[in-house]
Amino acid sequence: MVTRQHILFIFLFIPAAINAQHKTVHDNLLWAGYYNTIQLNNRLSIVSDAQLRSRDWVNQWSQILVRSGLSYSFNNNFVITAGMAFFKNAQYLNKQLFLKNEWRPWQEFSYQTKYSKTNLTHRLRTEQRFLQQVLDNKLTDRYEYVFRLRYRIDWQLPLNEYLKFGLGNEVLVNPWHLQNNRFFDQNRTFAGISFTVSPSTSLQVQYLKIFQWHSNLSELEDQNIIRLNANQKINFKKKS
């Protein structure tokens, strides 16, 4: 019988296996993001974020993105969300910068469980990616469609009234490419500290280790990322 432990082992083994079989390149990135939640009522909320991402720390562009979705909470533990994202993905050819469009509808459900003072959250997200193509050093009107599946597990531990420690892992795969080397996309392991500024605002510093597979180059990219986030919640629901 296939258990949850077996599935988790398979997901975590994927990047290690690819890393052992192909060349690895290294890069350092900086991600800065603003996350916003607008609570409409006890069930509905709008979740949005905007991010700037750079490579070689701040010497090259990596991505610019905006994303938003509508969430429905069944209870304090189970939430479903659906939305749309727009990306500008940077690609450098002969030192020329191309910012390629990506349109990304997405859907997810998350389930949270509490153990004493800690929280454990599971998130499963599906993404329908429409990626603009470059041909002969020119942006084209052609788009490639890729369906991606993401599973993340996130553990949080309050340290005191203002500080919270977080640790987690996320695996990203392309299920339609199960039989070829495009199946594995990324593995993200992260740890960080969140600081509560006010009841509606918090700041986060996070370190990510990402292994990203580039099948067209037959290489695995080992990324070290410093992530700086601001989180804000606006509450419109009526008080009891």
Protein backbone atom coordinates (compact mmCIF):
# COMPACT_ATOMS: atom_id res chain seq x y z
CA MET A 1 0.00 0.00 0.00
CA VAL A 2 1.26 3.49 -0.89
CA THR A 3 1.27 5.67 2.22
CA ARG A 4 1.71 9.40 2.72
CA GLN A 5 5.27 8.74 3.86
CA HIS A 6 6.04 6.95 0.58
CA ILE A 7 4.62 9.82 -1.49
CA LEU A 8 6.61 12.39 0.49
CA PHE A 9 9.79 10.34 0.06
CA ILE A 10 9.27 10.13 -3.71
CA PHE A 11 8.76 13.89 -4.01
CA LEU A 12 11.85 14.70 -1.93
CA PHE A 13 13.95 12.11 -3.80
CA ILE A 14 13.27 13.62 -7.25
CA PRO A 15 15.63 16.63 -7.06
CA ALA A 16 18.38 14.59 -5.39
CA ALA A 17 18.23 11.99 -8.17
CA ILE A 18 18.39 14.59 -10.94
CA ASN A 19 21.19 16.42 -9.16
CA ALA A 20 23.21 13.24 -9.09
CA GLN A 21 22.82 12.59 -12.82
CA HIS A 22 23.31 16.03 -14.43
CA LYS A 23 25.47 19.11 -14.16
CA THR A 24 24.51 21.77 -11.64
CA VAL A 25 24.85 25.55 -11.94
CA HIS A 26 24.60 28.00 -9.04
CA ASP A 27 22.89 31.36 -8.69
CA ASN A 28 21.92 33.88 -5.98
CA LEU A 29 18.59 35.69 -6.08
CA LEU A 30 16.70 38.37 -4.18
CA TRP A 31 12.88 38.30 -3.94
CA ALA A 32 10.82 41.19 -2.57
CA GLY A 33 7.05 40.89 -2.20
CA TYR A 34 3.90 42.53 -0.87
CA TYR A 35 1.04 40.22 0.19
CA ASN A 36 -2.46 41.49 0.86
CA THR A 37 -5.61 39.83 2.21
CA ILE A 38 -8.96 41.62 2.08
CA GLN A 39 -11.44 39.85 4.36
CA LEU A 40 -14.90 40.44 2.90
CA ASN A 41 -16.90 38.39 5.41
CA ASN A 42 -16.55 35.24 7.51
CA ARG A 43 -16.18 33.07 4.38
CA LEU A 44 -14.86 35.16 1.49
CA SER A 45 -11.57 36.98 1.08
CA ILE A 46 -9.42 38.36 -1.74
CA VAL A 47 -5.75 37.36 -1.63
CA SER A 48 -3.19 39.21 -3.74
CA ASP A 49 0.56 39.66 -4.06
CA ALA A 50 3.07 41.60 -6.15
CA GLN A 51 6.74 40.65 -6.39
CA LEU A 52 10.07 41.75 -7.85
CA ARG A 53 12.75 39.10 -8.33
CA SER A 54 16.37 39.55 -9.42
CA ARG A 55 19.32 37.27 -10.23
CA ASP A 56 22.99 37.53 -9.33
CA TRP A 57 21.54 39.30 -6.30
CA VAL A 58 20.47 42.59 -7.97
CA ASN A 59 22.50 42.59 -11.22
CA GLN A 60 19.90 40.96 -13.50
CA TRP A 61 16.12 40.78 -13.66
CA SER A 62 14.44 37.44 -12.99
CA GLN A 63 10.66 38.02 -12.69
CA ILE A 64 7.99 40.64 -12.13
CA LEU A 65 4.59 39.35 -11.10
CA VAL A 66 1.12 40.23 -9.85
CA ARG A 67 -1.36 37.60 -8.62
CA SER A 68 -4.83 37.64 -7.13
CA GLY A 69 -7.55 35.20 -6.19
CA LEU A 70 -10.84 34.69 -4.36
CA SER A 71 -10.80 32.42 -1.28
CA TYR A 72 -13.66 30.59 0.40
CA SER A 73 -13.23 29.24 3.93
CA PHE A 74 -15.33 26.23 4.85
CA ASN A 75 -14.06 26.48 8.43
CA ASN A 76 -10.92 27.54 10.29
CA ASN A 77 -8.96 24.68 8.72
CA PHE A 78 -10.07 24.18 5.11
CA VAL A 79 -9.83 26.89 2.41
CA ILE A 80 -10.16 26.81 -1.39
CA THR A 81 -8.93 29.58 -3.71
CA ALA A 82 -8.94 30.32 -7.44
CA GLY A 83 -7.39 33.22 -9.31
CA MET A 84 -5.15 34.60 -12.05
CA ALA A 85 -1.50 35.67 -12.20
CA PHE A 86 0.55 37.64 -14.71
CA PHE A 87 4.33 37.29 -14.94
CA LYS A 88 7.14 39.00 -16.82
CA ASN A 89 9.86 36.35 -17.05
CA ALA A 90 13.35 37.62 -17.87
CA GLN A 91 15.52 35.88 -20.46
CA TYR A 92 18.94 37.10 -21.60
CA LEU A 93 20.16 36.24 -25.13
CA ASN A 94 23.51 37.73 -26.16
CA LYS A 95 23.15 40.22 -23.28
CA GLN A 96 19.77 41.33 -24.68
CA LEU A 97 16.93 41.28 -22.16
CA PHE A 98 13.58 39.75 -23.11
CA LEU A 99 10.65 40.07 -20.70
CA LYS A 100 8.35 37.25 -21.69
CA ASN A 101 4.66 37.25 -20.75
CA GLU A 102 3.15 34.43 -18.74
CA TRP A 103 -0.56 34.15 -17.99
CA ARG A 104 -1.33 31.74 -15.17
CA PRO A 105 -4.81 30.74 -13.95
CA TRP A 106 -4.49 28.82 -10.68
CA GLN A 107 -6.54 26.91 -8.13
CA GLU A 108 -5.65 25.54 -4.72
CA PHE A 109 -6.92 24.09 -1.48
CA SER A 110 -5.18 24.29 1.87
CA TYR A 111 -5.74 22.42 5.11
CA GLN A 112 -4.39 23.57 8.47
CA THR A 113 -3.97 21.53 11.62
CA LYS A 114 -2.83 22.72 15.04
CA TYR A 115 -0.54 20.82 17.40
CA SER A 116 -0.23 22.57 20.75
CA LYS A 117 1.11 26.03 19.81
CA THR A 118 2.30 25.10 16.30
CA ASN A 119 0.47 25.16 12.96
CA LEU A 120 0.96 22.71 10.10
CA THR A 121 -0.48 23.69 6.70
CA HIS A 122 -0.79 21.52 3.60
CA ARG A 123 -1.38 23.28 0.26
CA LEU A 124 -2.09 21.69 -3.12
CA ARG A 125 -2.11 24.09 -6.08
CA THR A 126 -2.75 23.55 -9.80
CA GLU A 127 -1.53 26.03 -12.42
CA GLN A 128 -2.32 26.42 -16.12
CA ARG A 129 0.73 28.25 -17.50
CA PHE A 130 0.70 30.07 -20.85
CA LEU A 131 4.35 30.95 -21.65
CA GLN A 132 5.31 33.39 -24.40
CA GLN A 133 7.96 32.03 -26.77
CA VAL A 134 11.15 33.62 -28.18
CA LEU A 135 12.20 32.70 -31.74
CA ASP A 136 15.24 34.02 -33.63
CA ASN A 137 15.92 36.51 -30.82
CA LYS A 138 12.44 38.00 -31.09
CA LEU A 139 9.34 37.78 -28.94
CA THR A 140 6.53 36.00 -30.75
CA ASP A 141 2.76 35.71 -30.38
CA ARG A 142 3.15 31.97 -29.75
CA TYR A 143 2.46 30.57 -26.28
CA GLU A 144 3.34 27.20 -24.82
CA TYR A 145 0.83 25.61 -22.45
CA VAL A 146 2.14 23.77 -19.37
CA PHE A 147 0.03 22.28 -16.58
CA ARG A 148 1.84 22.29 -13.24
CA LEU A 149 1.07 20.75 -9.85
CA ARG A 150 2.48 22.07 -6.56
CA TYR A 151 2.40 20.56 -3.08
CA ARG A 152 3.66 22.55 -0.08
CA ILE A 153 3.91 21.71 3.60
CA ASP A 154 4.50 24.63 5.98
CA TRP A 155 5.18 24.43 9.74
CA GLN A 156 5.01 27.54 11.96
CA LEU A 157 6.05 27.97 15.57
CA PRO A 158 5.32 31.15 17.58
CA LEU A 159 8.42 32.21 19.51
CA ASN A 160 6.76 35.02 21.44
CA GLU A 161 4.01 37.59 21.00
CA TYR A 162 5.70 39.18 17.98
CA LEU A 163 8.01 36.58 16.41
CA LYS A 164 7.14 33.42 14.51
CA PHE A 165 9.49 30.81 13.00
CA GLY A 166 8.50 29.01 9.79
CA LEU A 167 9.89 25.96 8.01
CA GLY A 168 8.65 24.12 4.94
CA ASN A 169 9.11 22.41 1.60
CA GLU A 170 7.35 22.62 -1.77
CA VAL A 171 7.58 20.31 -4.78
CA LEU A 172 6.56 21.47 -8.28
CA VAL A 173 5.99 18.94 -11.09
CA ASN A 174 4.50 18.85 -14.59
CA PRO A 175 2.17 15.79 -14.51
CA TRP A 176 1.62 15.67 -18.28
CA HIS A 177 5.35 14.98 -18.71
CA LEU A 178 5.50 12.00 -16.38
CA GLN A 179 7.29 9.89 -19.01
CA ASN A 180 10.07 12.37 -19.86
CA ASN A 181 12.62 14.65 -18.18
CA ARG A 182 10.24 17.63 -17.98
CA PHE A 183 8.26 16.02 -15.15
CA PHE A 184 10.33 17.55 -12.33
CA ASP A 185 10.21 21.35 -12.25
CA GLN A 186 11.42 22.58 -8.86
CA ASN A 187 11.94 21.74 -5.22
CA ARG A 188 11.81 24.60 -2.71
CA THR A 189 12.97 24.30 0.90
CA PHE A 190 12.55 27.39 3.07
CA ALA A 191 12.96 28.75 6.59
CA GLY A 192 12.32 32.20 7.97
CA ILE A 193 11.20 34.58 10.70
CA SER A 194 8.02 36.69 10.71
CA PHE A 195 7.72 39.83 12.85
CA THR A 196 4.29 41.22 13.77
CA VAL A 197 4.27 45.00 13.41
CA SER A 198 0.56 45.47 14.16
CA PRO A 199 -2.57 43.28 14.26
CA SER A 200 -2.90 43.75 10.48
CA THR A 201 0.75 43.91 9.32
CA SER A 202 3.79 41.64 9.52
CA LEU A 203 7.26 41.52 7.97
CA GLN A 204 9.07 38.35 6.95
CA VAL A 205 12.68 37.42 6.19
CA GLN A 206 13.12 34.02 4.58
CA TYR A 207 15.87 31.87 3.08
CA LEU A 208 15.01 29.52 0.22
CA LYS A 209 17.03 26.74 -1.36
CA ILE A 210 15.61 25.94 -4.79
CA PHE A 211 16.63 23.20 -7.20
CA GLN A 212 15.13 24.08 -10.59
CA TRP A 213 15.42 21.73 -13.55
CA HIS A 214 16.01 23.17 -17.05
CA SER A 215 15.26 20.26 -19.36
CA ASN A 216 16.22 22.15 -22.54
CA LEU A 217 19.73 22.69 -21.13
CA SER A 218 19.97 19.38 -19.23
CA GLU A 219 21.06 21.21 -16.11
CA LEU A 220 19.86 21.68 -12.57
CA GLU A 221 20.01 25.21 -11.15
CA ASP A 222 20.95 25.46 -7.48
CA GLN A 223 19.48 28.74 -6.23
CA ASN A 224 20.14 30.54 -2.94
CA ILE A 225 17.40 33.10 -2.32
CA ILE A 226 16.87 35.83 0.26
CA ARG A 227 13.18 36.72 0.43
CA LEU A 228 11.75 39.88 2.00
CA ASN A 229 7.96 40.09 2.37
CA ALA A 230 5.42 42.51 3.77
CA ASN A 231 2.02 41.06 4.71
CA GLN A 232 -1.11 43.12 5.29
CA LYS A 233 -4.68 42.18 6.13
CA ILE A 234 -7.70 44.46 5.66
CA ASN A 235 -10.87 43.35 7.42
CA PHE A 236 -14.32 44.35 6.18
CA LYS A 237 -16.33 41.66 7.93
CA LYS A 238 -18.82 42.83 10.50
CA LYS A 239 -17.87 42.53 14.15
CA SER A 240 -20.04 40.35 16.36
